PDB file of N, CA and C in Angstrom:
ATOM      1  N   MET A   1      14.119  11.881 -37.067  1.00  0.00           N
ATOM      2  CA  MET A   1      13.389  10.829 -36.377  1.00  0.00           C
ATOM      3  C   MET A   1      12.027  10.774 -36.535  1.00  0.00           C
ATOM      4  N   PHE A   2      11.364   9.780 -36.836  1.00  0.00           N
ATOM      5  CA  PHE A   2       9.897   9.389 -36.926  1.00  0.00           C
ATOM      6  C   PHE A   2       9.451   8.633 -35.911  1.00  0.00           C
ATOM      7  N   VAL A   3       8.404   8.751 -35.857  1.00  0.00           N
ATOM      8  CA  VAL A   3       7.892   7.591 -34.647  1.00  0.00           C
ATOM      9  C   VAL A   3       6.631   7.247 -35.381  1.00  0.00           C
ATOM     10  N   HIS A   4       6.218   5.834 -35.792  1.00  0.00           N
ATOM     11  CA  HIS A   4       5.172   5.299 -35.902  1.00  0.00           C
ATOM     12  C   HIS A   4       4.204   4.906 -34.962  1.00  0.00           C
ATOM     13  N   ALA A   5       3.547   5.636 -34.046  1.00  0.00           N
ATOM     14  CA  ALA A   5       3.183   4.984 -32.770  1.00  0.00           C
ATOM     15  C   ALA A   5       1.865   4.282 -33.453  1.00  0.00           C
ATOM     16  N   ASP A   6       1.090   4.137 -34.631  1.00  0.00           N
ATOM     17  CA  ASP A   6       0.282   3.371 -34.907  1.00  0.00           C
ATOM     18  C   ASP A   6       0.573   2.407 -35.446  1.00  0.00           C
ATOM     19  N   GLY A   7       1.873   1.948 -35.571  1.00  0.00           N
ATOM     20  CA  GLY A   7       2.449   0.936 -36.669  1.00  0.00           C
ATOM     21  C   GLY A   7       2.881  -0.116 -35.840  1.00  0.00           C
ATOM     22  N   GLY A   8       2.701  -0.008 -34.512  1.00  0.00           N
ATOM     23  CA  GLY A   8       3.010  -1.319 -33.659  1.00  0.00           C
ATOM     24  C   GLY A   8       2.293  -2.538 -33.424  1.00  0.00           C
ATOM     25  N   THR A   9       2.575  -3.752 -32.753  1.00  0.00           N
ATOM     26  CA  THR A   9       2.174  -4.710 -32.740  1.00  0.00           C
ATOM     27  C   THR A   9       2.045  -4.725 -31.308  1.00  0.00           C
ATOM     28  N   GLU A  10       2.558  -4.311 -30.385  1.00  0.00           N
ATOM     29  CA  GLU A  10       2.610  -4.628 -28.769  1.00  0.00           C
ATOM     30  C   GLU A  10       1.601  -3.839 -27.866  1.00  0.00           C
ATOM     31  N   THR A  11       1.403  -4.361 -27.228  1.00  0.00           N
ATOM     32  CA  THR A  11       0.286  -3.676 -26.123  1.00  0.00           C
ATOM     33  C   THR A  11       1.294  -3.044 -24.861  1.00  0.00           C
ATOM     34  N   ILE A  12       1.176  -2.038 -24.340  1.00  0.00           N
ATOM     35  CA  ILE A  12       1.968  -1.489 -23.315  1.00  0.00           C
ATOM     36  C   ILE A  12       0.900  -1.853 -22.099  1.00  0.00           C
ATOM     37  N   SER A  13       1.733  -2.479 -20.959  1.00  0.00           N
ATOM     38  CA  SER A  13       0.981  -3.242 -19.887  1.00  0.00           C
ATOM     39  C   SER A  13       0.731  -1.829 -19.473  1.00  0.00           C
ATOM     40  N   ARG A  14      -0.824  -1.678 -18.921  1.00  0.00           N
ATOM     41  CA  ARG A  14      -1.179  -0.778 -17.489  1.00  0.00           C
ATOM     42  C   ARG A  14      -0.595  -1.094 -16.510  1.00  0.00           C
ATOM     43  N   HIS A  15       0.131  -2.301 -16.108  1.00  0.00           N
ATOM     44  CA  HIS A  15       0.694  -2.214 -14.998  1.00  0.00           C
ATOM     45  C   HIS A  15       2.042  -1.206 -14.679  1.00  0.00           C
ATOM     46  N   ILE A  16       2.679  -0.698 -15.931  1.00  0.00           N
ATOM     47  CA  ILE A  16       3.755   0.601 -15.724  1.00  0.00           C
ATOM     48  C   ILE A  16       3.225   1.560 -14.970  1.00  0.00           C
ATOM     49  N   TYR A  17       1.828   1.787 -15.260  1.00  0.00           N
ATOM     50  CA  TYR A  17       1.283   3.022 -14.252  1.00  0.00           C
ATOM     51  C   TYR A  17       0.531   2.826 -12.723  1.00  0.00           C
ATOM     52  N   GLY A  18       1.063   1.736 -11.851  1.00  0.00           N
ATOM     53  CA  GLY A  18       1.018   1.456 -10.619  1.00  0.00           C
ATOM     54  C   GLY A  18       1.427   2.319  -9.896  1.00  0.00           C
ATOM     55  N   HIS A  19       1.312   2.003  -8.282  1.00  0.00           N
ATOM     56  CA  HIS A  19       1.561   3.159  -7.394  1.00  0.00           C
ATOM     57  C   HIS A  19       2.086   2.388  -6.303  1.00  0.00           C
ATOM     58  N   PHE A  20       2.765   3.133  -5.469  1.00  0.00           N
ATOM     59  CA  PHE A  20       3.287   2.522  -4.087  1.00  0.00           C
ATOM     60  C   PHE A  20       2.944   3.192  -2.973  1.00  0.00           C
ATOM     61  N   SER A  21       3.235   2.326  -1.788  1.00  0.00           N
ATOM     62  CA  SER A  21       2.984   2.645  -0.851  1.00  0.00           C
ATOM     63  C   SER A  21       4.121   2.089   0.344  1.00  0.00           C
ATOM     64  N   GLU A  22       4.583   3.031   1.314  1.00  0.00           N
ATOM     65  CA  GLU A  22       5.742   2.606   1.871  1.00  0.00           C
ATOM     66  C   GLU A  22       5.727   3.059   3.205  1.00  0.00           C
ATOM     67  N   HIS A  23       6.144   2.490   4.474  1.00  0.00           N
ATOM     68  CA  HIS A  23       6.270   2.885   5.678  1.00  0.00           C
ATOM     69  C   HIS A  23       7.110   3.860   5.756  1.00  0.00           C
ATOM     70  N   LEU A  24       6.836   5.304   5.206  1.00  0.00           N
ATOM     71  CA  LEU A  24       7.945   6.064   5.272  1.00  0.00           C
ATOM     72  C   LEU A  24       6.990   7.319   5.629  1.00  0.00           C
ATOM     73  N   GLY A  25       7.315   8.322   6.339  1.00  0.00           N
ATOM     74  CA  GLY A  25       6.516   9.623   6.693  1.00  0.00           C
ATOM     75  C   GLY A  25       5.660   9.475   6.939  1.00  0.00           C
ATOM     76  N   ARG A  26       4.131   9.745   6.487  1.00  0.00           N
ATOM     77  CA  ARG A  26       2.871   9.463   6.866  1.00  0.00           C
ATOM     78  C   ARG A  26       2.282   8.956   5.472  1.00  0.00           C
ATOM     79  N   CYS A  27       3.160   8.278   4.972  1.00  0.00           N
ATOM     80  CA  CYS A  27       1.963   7.271   3.769  1.00  0.00           C
ATOM     81  C   CYS A  27       1.379   6.459   4.326  1.00  0.00           C
ATOM     82  N   ILE A  28       1.620   5.694   5.175  1.00  0.00           N
ATOM     83  CA  ILE A  28       0.645   4.540   5.829  1.00  0.00           C
ATOM     84  C   ILE A  28       0.144   5.015   7.058  1.00  0.00           C
ATOM     85  N   TYR A  29       0.483   5.675   7.969  1.00  0.00           N
ATOM     86  CA  TYR A  29      -0.024   5.941   9.423  1.00  0.00           C
ATOM     87  C   TYR A  29      -0.158   7.188   8.826  1.00  0.00           C
ATOM     88  N   GLY A  30      -1.685   7.664   9.060  1.00  0.00           N
ATOM     89  CA  GLY A  30      -2.065   9.061   8.697  1.00  0.00           C
ATOM     90  C   GLY A  30      -2.349   9.464   7.268  1.00  0.00           C
ATOM     91  N   GLY A  31      -1.813   8.248   6.670  1.00  0.00           N
ATOM     92  CA  GLY A  31      -2.295   8.316   5.024  1.00  0.00           C
ATOM     93  C   GLY A  31      -3.130   7.681   5.197  1.00  0.00           C
ATOM     94  N   PHE A  32      -2.764   6.327   4.338  1.00  0.00           N
ATOM     95  CA  PHE A  32      -4.261   5.287   4.233  1.00  0.00           C
ATOM     96  C   PHE A  32      -4.427   4.839   5.328  1.00  0.00           C
ATOM     97  N   TRP A  33      -3.949   4.960   6.788  1.00  0.00           N
ATOM     98  CA  TRP A  33      -4.194   3.665   7.590  1.00  0.00           C
ATOM     99  C   TRP A  33      -4.439   4.874   9.029  1.00  0.00           C
ATOM    100  N   VAL A  34      -6.137   5.139   9.379  1.00  0.00           N
ATOM    101  CA  VAL A  34      -6.372   5.846  10.885  1.00  0.00           C
ATOM    102  C   VAL A  34      -6.482   4.873  12.110  1.00  0.00           C
ATOM    103  N   GLY A  35      -6.985   3.876  11.667  1.00  0.00           N
ATOM    104  CA  GLY A  35      -7.383   2.690  12.738  1.00  0.00           C
ATOM    105  C   GLY A  35      -8.694   3.160  12.786  1.00  0.00           C
ATOM    106  N   GLU A  36      -9.321   1.939  13.223  1.00  0.00           N
ATOM    107  CA  GLU A  36     -10.921   1.820  13.306  1.00  0.00           C
ATOM    108  C   GLU A  36     -11.351   3.062  13.907  1.00  0.00           C
ATOM    109  N   ASP A  37     -11.155   3.789  15.292  1.00  0.00           N
ATOM    110  CA  ASP A  37     -11.663   4.436  16.345  1.00  0.00           C
ATOM    111  C   ASP A  37     -11.228   6.066  15.961  1.00  0.00           C
ATOM    112  N   SER A  38     -10.593   6.316  14.935  1.00  0.00           N
ATOM    113  CA  SER A  38     -10.550   7.650  14.334  1.00  0.00           C
ATOM    114  C   SER A  38     -11.981   8.167  14.091  1.00  0.00           C
ATOM    115  N   PRO A  39     -11.650   9.599  14.019  1.00  0.00           N
ATOM    116  CA  PRO A  39     -12.835  10.119  13.780  1.00  0.00           C
ATOM    117  C   PRO A  39     -12.944  10.660  11.846  1.00  0.00           C
ATOM    118  N   ILE A  40     -11.978  10.527  11.489  1.00  0.00           N
ATOM    119  CA  ILE A  40     -12.089  10.551   9.835  1.00  0.00           C
ATOM    120  C   ILE A  40     -12.385   9.219   9.485  1.00  0.00           C
ATOM    121  N   PRO A  41     -13.781   9.658   8.538  1.00  0.00           N
ATOM    122  CA  PRO A  41     -14.296   8.451   8.493  1.00  0.00           C
ATOM    123  C   PRO A  41     -13.651   7.396   7.428  1.00  0.00           C
ATOM    124  N   ASN A  42     -13.705   6.188   7.590  1.00  0.00           N
ATOM    125  CA  ASN A  42     -12.969   4.993   7.328  1.00  0.00           C
ATOM    126  C   ASN A  42     -13.396   3.804   7.378  1.00  0.00           C
ATOM    127  N   THR A  43     -13.075   2.816   6.755  1.00  0.00           N
ATOM    128  CA  THR A  43     -13.617   1.472   6.394  1.00  0.00           C
ATOM    129  C   THR A  43     -12.934   0.603   7.050  1.00  0.00           C
ATOM    130  N   GLY A  44     -12.938  -0.078   8.354  1.00  0.00           N
ATOM    131  CA  GLY A  44     -12.036  -0.861   8.640  1.00  0.00           C
ATOM    132  C   GLY A  44     -10.609  -0.268   9.217  1.00  0.00           C
ATOM    133  N   GLY A  45     -10.431   1.021   9.106  1.00  0.00           N
ATOM    134  CA  GLY A  45      -9.380   1.881   9.614  1.00  0.00           C
ATOM    135  C   GLY A  45      -8.624   2.308   8.266  1.00  0.00           C
ATOM    136  N   ILE A  46      -9.137   2.382   7.371  1.00  0.00           N
ATOM    137  CA  ILE A  46      -8.425   2.932   6.007  1.00  0.00           C
ATOM    138  C   ILE A  46      -9.436   4.117   5.294  1.00  0.00           C
ATOM    139  N   ARG A  47      -8.754   5.390   5.185  1.00  0.00           N
ATOM    140  CA  ARG A  47      -9.426   6.349   5.322  1.00  0.00           C
ATOM    141  C   ARG A  47     -10.296   6.350   3.714  1.00  0.00           C
ATOM    142  N   ASN A  48     -11.784   6.522   3.912  1.00  0.00           N
ATOM    143  CA  ASN A  48     -12.661   6.781   2.882  1.00  0.00           C
ATOM    144  C   ASN A  48     -11.970   7.686   1.888  1.00  0.00           C
ATOM    145  N   ASP A  49     -11.624   9.059   1.868  1.00  0.00           N
ATOM    146  CA  ASP A  49     -11.245  10.104   1.521  1.00  0.00           C
ATOM    147  C   ASP A  49     -10.140   9.535   0.284  1.00  0.00           C
ATOM    148  N   VAL A  50      -9.305   8.791   0.826  1.00  0.00           N
ATOM    149  CA  VAL A  50      -7.768   7.951   0.372  1.00  0.00           C
ATOM    150  C   VAL A  50      -8.309   7.201  -0.942  1.00  0.00           C
ATOM    151  N   VAL A  51      -9.168   5.980  -0.307  1.00  0.00           N
ATOM    152  CA  VAL A  51      -9.834   4.862  -1.236  1.00  0.00           C
ATOM    153  C   VAL A  51     -10.512   5.543  -2.501  1.00  0.00           C
ATOM    154  N   GLU A  52     -11.677   6.711  -2.241  1.00  0.00           N
ATOM    155  CA  GLU A  52     -12.395   7.644  -3.370  1.00  0.00           C
ATOM    156  C   GLU A  52     -11.574   7.726  -4.535  1.00  0.00           C
ATOM    157  N   ALA A  53     -10.266   8.575  -3.880  1.00  0.00           N
ATOM    158  CA  ALA A  53      -9.227   9.558  -4.508  1.00  0.00           C
ATOM    159  C   ALA A  53      -8.559   8.618  -5.618  1.00  0.00           C
ATOM    160  N   LEU A  54      -8.140   7.580  -4.918  1.00  0.00           N
ATOM    161  CA  LEU A  54      -7.491   6.299  -5.929  1.00  0.00           C
ATOM    162  C   LEU A  54      -8.450   5.369  -6.762  1.00  0.00           C
ATOM    163  N   ARG A  55      -9.495   5.562  -6.227  1.00  0.00           N
ATOM    164  CA  ARG A  55     -10.608   4.716  -7.071  1.00  0.00           C
ATOM    165  C   ARG A  55     -10.963   5.162  -8.342  1.00  0.00           C
ATOM    166  N   LYS A  56     -11.095   6.928  -8.431  1.00  0.00           N
ATOM    167  CA  LYS A  56     -11.073   7.493  -9.159  1.00  0.00           C
ATOM    168  C   LYS A  56      -9.900   7.755 -10.312  1.00  0.00           C
ATOM    169  N   ILE A  57      -8.643   7.736  -9.915  1.00  0.00           N
ATOM    170  CA  ILE A  57      -7.633   7.487 -11.200  1.00  0.00           C
ATOM    171  C   ILE A  57      -7.102   6.190 -11.439  1.00  0.00           C
ATOM    172  N   ARG A  58      -8.276   5.151 -10.877  1.00  0.00           N
ATOM    173  CA  ARG A  58      -8.275   3.349 -11.515  1.00  0.00           C
ATOM    174  C   ARG A  58      -6.545   3.229 -11.384  1.00  0.00           C
ATOM    175  N   ILE A  59      -5.782   3.105 -10.377  1.00  0.00           N
ATOM    176  CA  ILE A  59      -4.767   2.908 -10.102  1.00  0.00           C
ATOM    177  C   ILE A  59      -4.690   0.876 -10.956  1.00  0.00           C
ATOM    178  N   PRO A  60      -3.743   0.574 -11.496  1.00  0.00           N
ATOM    179  CA  PRO A  60      -3.603  -0.755 -11.766  1.00  0.00           C
ATOM    180  C   PRO A  60      -3.156  -1.509 -11.031  1.00  0.00           C
ATOM    181  N   ASN A  61      -2.626  -1.122 -10.002  1.00  0.00           N
ATOM    182  CA  ASN A  61      -1.926  -1.614  -9.127  1.00  0.00           C
ATOM    183  C   ASN A  61      -1.308  -0.944  -7.824  1.00  0.00           C
ATOM    184  N   LEU A  62      -1.310  -1.726  -6.879  1.00  0.00           N
ATOM    185  CA  LEU A  62      -0.398  -1.165  -5.385  1.00  0.00           C
ATOM    186  C   LEU A  62       0.641  -1.459  -4.946  1.00  0.00           C
ATOM    187  N   ARG A  63       1.858  -1.213  -5.010  1.00  0.00           N
ATOM    188  CA  ARG A  63       2.982  -1.949  -4.459  1.00  0.00           C
ATOM    189  C   ARG A  63       3.074  -1.791  -2.733  1.00  0.00           C
ATOM    190  N   TRP A  64       3.393  -2.697  -1.957  1.00  0.00           N
ATOM    191  CA  TRP A  64       3.610  -2.646  -0.780  1.00  0.00           C
ATOM    192  C   TRP A  64       4.465  -3.643  -0.309  1.00  0.00           C
ATOM    193  N   PRO A  65       5.029  -3.569   1.058  1.00  0.00           N
ATOM    194  CA  PRO A  65       5.209  -2.624   2.039  1.00  0.00           C
ATOM    195  C   PRO A  65       6.404  -1.589   1.318  1.00  0.00           C
ATOM    196  N   GLY A  66       6.727  -1.821   0.090  1.00  0.00           N
ATOM    197  CA  GLY A  66       7.550  -0.634  -0.009  1.00  0.00           C
ATOM    198  C   GLY A  66       9.300  -1.094  -0.804  1.00  0.00           C
ATOM    199  N   GLY A  67       9.980  -0.113  -1.125  1.00  0.00           N
ATOM    200  CA  GLY A  67      11.410  -0.417  -1.322  1.00  0.00           C
ATOM    201  C   GLY A  67      11.958  -0.783  -0.550  1.00  0.00           C
ATOM    202  N   CYS A  68      12.764  -0.307   0.320  1.00  0.00           N
ATOM    203  CA  CYS A  68      13.901  -0.092   1.543  1.00  0.00           C
ATOM    204  C   CYS A  68      12.794  -1.075   2.783  1.00  0.00           C
ATOM    205  N   PHE A  69      11.730  -0.877   2.951  1.00  0.00           N
ATOM    206  CA  PHE A  69      11.213  -1.436   4.242  1.00  0.00           C
ATOM    207  C   PHE A  69      10.818  -3.030   3.598  1.00  0.00           C
ATOM    208  N   ALA A  70      10.495  -3.321   2.725  1.00  0.00           N
ATOM    209  CA  ALA A  70      10.539  -4.809   1.985  1.00  0.00           C
ATOM    210  C   ALA A  70      11.786  -5.622   2.541  1.00  0.00           C
ATOM    211  N   ASP A  71      12.521  -5.014   2.795  1.00  0.00           N
ATOM    212  CA  ASP A  71      14.184  -5.841   2.954  1.00  0.00           C
ATOM    213  C   ASP A  71      13.944  -6.406   4.391  1.00  0.00           C
ATOM    214  N   GLU A  72      13.134  -5.512   5.120  1.00  0.00           N
ATOM    215  CA  GLU A  72      13.142  -6.539   6.498  1.00  0.00           C
ATOM    216  C   GLU A  72      11.883  -6.585   7.153  1.00  0.00           C
ATOM    217  N   TYR A  73      10.605  -6.176   6.325  1.00  0.00           N
ATOM    218  CA  TYR A  73       9.484  -6.859   6.708  1.00  0.00           C
ATOM    219  C   TYR A  73       9.102  -8.483   6.024  1.00  0.00           C
ATOM    220  N   HIS A  74       8.255  -8.923   6.985  1.00  0.00           N
ATOM    221  CA  HIS A  74       7.854 -10.297   6.901  1.00  0.00           C
ATOM    222  C   HIS A  74       6.139 -10.423   6.794  1.00  0.00           C
ATOM    223  N   TRP A  75       5.651 -11.066   5.486  1.00  0.00           N
ATOM    224  CA  TRP A  75       4.251 -10.896   5.716  1.00  0.00           C
ATOM    225  C   TRP A  75       3.623 -11.489   6.656  1.00  0.00           C
ATOM    226  N   MET A  76       4.057 -12.600   7.505  1.00  0.00           N
ATOM    227  CA  MET A  76       3.310 -12.993   8.497  1.00  0.00           C
ATOM    228  C   MET A  76       3.588 -12.218   9.596  1.00  0.00           C
ATOM    229  N   ASP A  77       3.900 -11.513   9.743  1.00  0.00           N
ATOM    230  CA  ASP A  77       4.173 -10.120  10.929  1.00  0.00           C
ATOM    231  C   ASP A  77       2.716  -9.582  10.776  1.00  0.00           C
ATOM    232  N   GLY A  78       2.373  -9.344   9.705  1.00  0.00           N
ATOM    233  CA  GLY A  78       0.979  -8.399   9.325  1.00  0.00           C
ATOM    234  C   GLY A  78       0.006  -8.958   9.667  1.00  0.00           C
ATOM    235  N   ILE A  79      -0.259 -10.430  10.128  1.00  0.00           N
ATOM    236  CA  ILE A  79      -1.560 -11.169   9.987  1.00  0.00           C
ATOM    237  C   ILE A  79      -2.098 -11.456  11.307  1.00  0.00           C
ATOM    238  N   GLY A  80      -3.412 -11.623  11.647  1.00  0.00           N
ATOM    239  CA  GLY A  80      -3.702 -11.991  12.894  1.00  0.00           C
ATOM    240  C   GLY A  80      -4.254 -10.767  13.717  1.00  0.00           C
ATOM    241  N   PRO A  81      -4.704 -10.969  15.175  1.00  0.00           N
ATOM    242  CA  PRO A  81      -5.015  -9.919  15.606  1.00  0.00           C
ATOM    243  C   PRO A  81      -4.199  -8.756  15.658  1.00  0.00           C
ATOM    244  N   ALA A  82      -4.605  -7.562  15.469  1.00  0.00           N
ATOM    245  CA  ALA A  82      -3.499  -6.402  15.536  1.00  0.00           C
ATOM    246  C   ALA A  82      -2.141  -6.656  16.800  1.00  0.00           C
ATOM    247  N   GLY A  83      -3.240  -6.718  18.189  1.00  0.00           N
ATOM    248  CA  GLY A  83      -2.784  -6.561  19.208  1.00  0.00           C
ATOM    249  C   GLY A  83      -1.588  -7.429  19.705  1.00  0.00           C
ATOM    250  N   ARG A  84      -1.536  -8.580  18.794  1.00  0.00           N
ATOM    251  CA  ARG A  84      -0.624  -9.332  18.874  1.00  0.00           C
ATOM    252  C   ARG A  84       0.539  -9.877  17.959  1.00  0.00           C
ATOM    253  N   ARG A  85       0.287  -8.706  17.255  1.00  0.00           N
ATOM    254  CA  ARG A  85       1.472  -8.957  16.062  1.00  0.00           C
ATOM    255  C   ARG A  85       2.589  -8.343  16.469  1.00  0.00           C
ATOM    256  N   PRO A  86       3.920  -9.046  16.040  1.00  0.00           N
ATOM    257  CA  PRO A  86       5.309  -8.291  16.438  1.00  0.00           C
ATOM    258  C   PRO A  86       5.445  -7.057  16.395  1.00  0.00           C
ATOM    259  N   LYS A  87       6.224  -6.289  16.985  1.00  0.00           N
ATOM    260  CA  LYS A  87       6.543  -5.079  16.646  1.00  0.00           C
ATOM    261  C   LYS A  87       8.042  -5.208  15.866  1.00  0.00           C
ATOM    262  N   MET A  88       8.773  -4.484  15.233  1.00  0.00           N
ATOM    263  CA  MET A  88       9.888  -4.109  14.625  1.00  0.00           C
ATOM    264  C   MET A  88      10.521  -2.580  14.535  1.00  0.00           C
ATOM    265  N   VAL A  89      11.859  -2.236  14.566  1.00  0.00           N
ATOM    266  CA  VAL A  89      12.162  -1.084  14.496  1.00  0.00           C
ATOM    267  C   VAL A  89      12.508  -1.343  12.995  1.00  0.00           C
ATOM    268  N   ASN A  90      12.153  -0.101  12.474  1.00  0.00           N
ATOM    269  CA  ASN A  90      12.170   0.312  10.869  1.00  0.00           C
ATOM    270  C   ASN A  90      13.682   1.371  10.650  1.00  0.00           C
ATOM    271  N   THR A  91      14.480   0.395  10.298  1.00  0.00           N
ATOM    272  CA  THR A  91      15.969   1.124  10.599  1.00  0.00           C
ATOM    273  C   THR A  91      16.335   1.948   8.994  1.00  0.00           C
ATOM    274  N   HIS A  92      15.178   1.874   8.117  1.00  0.00           N
ATOM    275  CA  HIS A  92      15.179   2.216   6.935  1.00  0.00           C
ATOM    276  C   HIS A  92      14.728   3.970   6.991  1.00  0.00           C
ATOM    277  N   TRP A  93      13.891   4.444   7.935  1.00  0.00           N
ATOM    278  CA  TRP A  93      13.405   5.211   8.384  1.00  0.00           C
ATOM    279  C   TRP A  93      13.125   6.096   9.607  1.00  0.00           C
ATOM    280  N   GLY A  94      14.607   6.370   9.817  1.00  0.00           N
ATOM    281  CA  GLY A  94      14.438   6.594  11.201  1.00  0.00           C
ATOM    282  C   GLY A  94      14.367   6.194  12.406  1.00  0.00           C
ATOM    283  N   GLY A  95      14.244   5.096  12.454  1.00  0.00           N
ATOM    284  CA  GLY A  95      14.636   4.038  13.549  1.00  0.00           C
ATOM    285  C   GLY A  95      12.878   3.926  14.364  1.00  0.00           C
ATOM    286  N   VAL A  96      11.687   4.189  13.370  1.00  0.00           N
ATOM    287  CA  VAL A  96      10.677   4.350  14.120  1.00  0.00           C
ATOM    288  C   VAL A  96      10.420   2.879  14.743  1.00  0.00           C
ATOM    289  N   THR A  97       9.440   2.969  15.543  1.00  0.00           N
ATOM    290  CA  THR A  97       8.923   1.176  15.786  1.00  0.00           C
ATOM    291  C   THR A  97       7.600   1.183  15.026  1.00  0.00           C
ATOM    292  N   GLU A  98       7.645  -0.176  14.380  1.00  0.00           N
ATOM    293  CA  GLU A  98       6.598  -0.239  13.411  1.00  0.00           C
ATOM    294  C   GLU A  98       5.702  -1.425  14.939  1.00  0.00           C
ATOM    295  N   ASP A  99       4.086  -0.716  14.877  1.00  0.00           N
ATOM    296  CA  ASP A  99       3.421  -1.930  15.369  1.00  0.00           C
ATOM    297  C   ASP A  99       2.644  -3.045  14.617  1.00  0.00           C
ATOM    298  N   ASN A 100       2.542  -3.015  13.559  1.00  0.00           N
ATOM    299  CA  ASN A 100       2.162  -3.571  12.386  1.00  0.00           C
ATOM    300  C   ASN A 100       0.464  -3.419  12.521  1.00  0.00           C
ATOM    301  N   ARG A 101       0.090  -2.559  12.813  1.00  0.00           N
ATOM    302  CA  ARG A 101      -1.510  -2.117  13.166  1.00  0.00           C
ATOM    303  C   ARG A 101      -1.733  -1.969  11.811  1.00  0.00           C
ATOM    304  N   PHE A 102      -1.009  -1.601  10.857  1.00  0.00           N
ATOM    305  CA  PHE A 102      -1.296  -1.867   9.248  1.00  0.00           C
ATOM    306  C   PHE A 102      -0.435  -3.122   8.670  1.00  0.00           C
ATOM    307  N   GLY A 103      -1.024  -3.863   8.593  1.00  0.00           N
ATOM    308  CA  GLY A 103      -0.122  -5.045   8.305  1.00  0.00           C
ATOM    309  C   GLY A 103      -0.766  -5.873   6.811  1.00  0.00           C
ATOM    310  N   THR A 104      -0.113  -6.870   6.503  1.00  0.00           N
ATOM    311  CA  THR A 104      -0.366  -7.920   5.725  1.00  0.00           C
ATOM    312  C   THR A 104      -2.079  -7.901   5.306  1.00  0.00           C
ATOM    313  N   HIS A 105      -2.823  -8.276   6.325  1.00  0.00           N
ATOM    314  CA  HIS A 105      -4.301  -8.012   6.194  1.00  0.00           C
ATOM    315  C   HIS A 105      -4.841  -6.903   5.865  1.00  0.00           C
ATOM    316  N   GLU A 106      -4.115  -5.728   6.233  1.00  0.00           N
ATOM    317  CA  GLU A 106      -5.018  -4.221   5.983  1.00  0.00           C
ATOM    318  C   GLU A 106      -4.525  -4.014   4.684  1.00  0.00           C
ATOM    319  N   PHE A 107      -3.452  -4.379   4.279  1.00  0.00           N
ATOM    320  CA  PHE A 107      -2.954  -4.075   2.937  1.00  0.00           C
ATOM    321  C   PHE A 107      -3.811  -4.941   1.862  1.00  0.00           C
ATOM    322  N   MET A 108      -4.047  -6.229   1.951  1.00  0.00           N
ATOM    323  CA  MET A 108      -5.105  -7.219   1.398  1.00  0.00           C
ATOM    324  C   MET A 108      -6.677  -6.355   1.341  1.00  0.00           C
ATOM    325  N   ASP A 109      -7.010  -5.956   2.154  1.00  0.00           N
ATOM    326  CA  ASP A 109      -8.432  -5.121   2.499  1.00  0.00           C
ATOM    327  C   ASP A 109      -8.168  -3.696   1.461  1.00  0.00           C
ATOM    328  N   LEU A 110      -7.258  -3.084   1.995  1.00  0.00           N
ATOM    329  CA  LEU A 110      -7.124  -1.706   1.128  1.00  0.00           C
ATOM    330  C   LEU A 110      -7.197  -1.993  -0.683  1.00  0.00           C
ATOM    331  N   VAL A 111      -6.434  -2.899  -1.100  1.00  0.00           N
ATOM    332  CA  VAL A 111      -6.652  -3.223  -2.603  1.00  0.00           C
ATOM    333  C   VAL A 111      -7.918  -3.675  -2.635  1.00  0.00           C
ATOM    334  N   GLU A 112      -8.501  -4.536  -2.109  1.00  0.00           N
ATOM    335  CA  GLU A 112      -9.909  -4.656  -2.451  1.00  0.00           C
ATOM    336  C   GLU A 112     -10.905  -3.515  -2.396  1.00  0.00           C
ATOM    337  N   LEU A 113     -10.766  -2.282  -1.703  1.00  0.00           N
ATOM    338  CA  LEU A 113     -11.666  -1.420  -1.288  1.00  0.00           C
ATOM    339  C   LEU A 113     -11.510  -0.722  -2.745  1.00  0.00           C
ATOM    340  N   LEU A 114      -9.892  -0.587  -3.111  1.00  0.00           N
ATOM    341  CA  LEU A 114      -9.552   0.129  -4.097  1.00  0.00           C
ATOM    342  C   LEU A 114     -10.033  -0.644  -5.439  1.00  0.00           C
ATOM    343  N   GLY A 115     -10.153  -2.083  -5.522  1.00  0.00           N
ATOM    344  CA  GLY A 115     -10.289  -2.320  -6.755  1.00  0.00           C
ATOM    345  C   GLY A 115      -9.373  -2.678  -7.612  1.00  0.00           C
ATOM    346  N   THR A 116      -8.274  -2.924  -7.393  1.00  0.00           N
ATOM    347  CA  THR A 116      -6.775  -3.088  -8.318  1.00  0.00           C
ATOM    348  C   THR A 116      -6.248  -4.163  -7.685  1.00  0.00           C
ATOM    349  N   ASN A 117      -5.314  -4.556  -8.105  1.00  0.00           N
ATOM    350  CA  ASN A 117      -4.253  -5.984  -8.089  1.00  0.00           C
ATOM    351  C   ASN A 117      -3.112  -5.362  -6.727  1.00  0.00           C
ATOM    352  N   ALA A 118      -2.693  -6.065  -6.140  1.00  0.00           N
ATOM    353  CA  ALA A 118      -1.828  -6.026  -4.865  1.00  0.00           C
ATOM    354  C   ALA A 118      -0.488  -6.617  -5.813  1.00  0.00           C
ATOM    355  N   TYR A 119       0.810  -5.803  -5.428  1.00  0.00           N
ATOM    356  CA  TYR A 119       1.695  -6.021  -5.730  1.00  0.00           C
ATOM    357  C   TYR A 119       2.520  -6.293  -4.250  1.00  0.00           C
ATOM    358  N   ILE A 120       2.742  -7.014  -3.906  1.00  0.00           N
ATOM    359  CA  ILE A 120       3.746  -7.457  -2.622  1.00  0.00           C
ATOM    360  C   ILE A 120       5.026  -7.473  -3.188  1.00  0.00           C
ATOM    361  N   SER A 121       5.869  -6.485  -2.546  1.00  0.00           N
ATOM    362  CA  SER A 121       7.250  -6.456  -2.968  1.00  0.00           C
ATOM    363  C   SER A 121       8.276  -7.333  -1.478  1.00  0.00           C
ATOM    364  N   GLY A 122       9.208  -7.942  -1.973  1.00  0.00           N
ATOM    365  CA  GLY A 122       9.956  -8.433  -0.816  1.00  0.00           C
ATOM    366  C   GLY A 122      11.551  -8.537  -1.020  1.00  0.00           C
TER     367      GLY A 122
END
């Protein structure tokens, strides 16, 4: 088999190298999100070291709220004052209660800090 990589006319989309974030384990809480009152350096509750690391690798997009969790999540539950957002039980990842402190609004802040595109799954 011979592959002539220089003979193609199509461009491979950079978006195949996108990343995802999901509400499982410590990906969100303790990962991207520590809250504004955390002693960990942050911007609006989003960890500065995580933002810096992801900016270095120039991710083309960030998918959220993830895979299975997206089946239950409604984007409107993650906007407005954090203390007034509805709580929900994440039945896919151990039945933990999600309080929506990291919601739609914070995700959009995150992609802005990263300088990347949002990929909102649902």
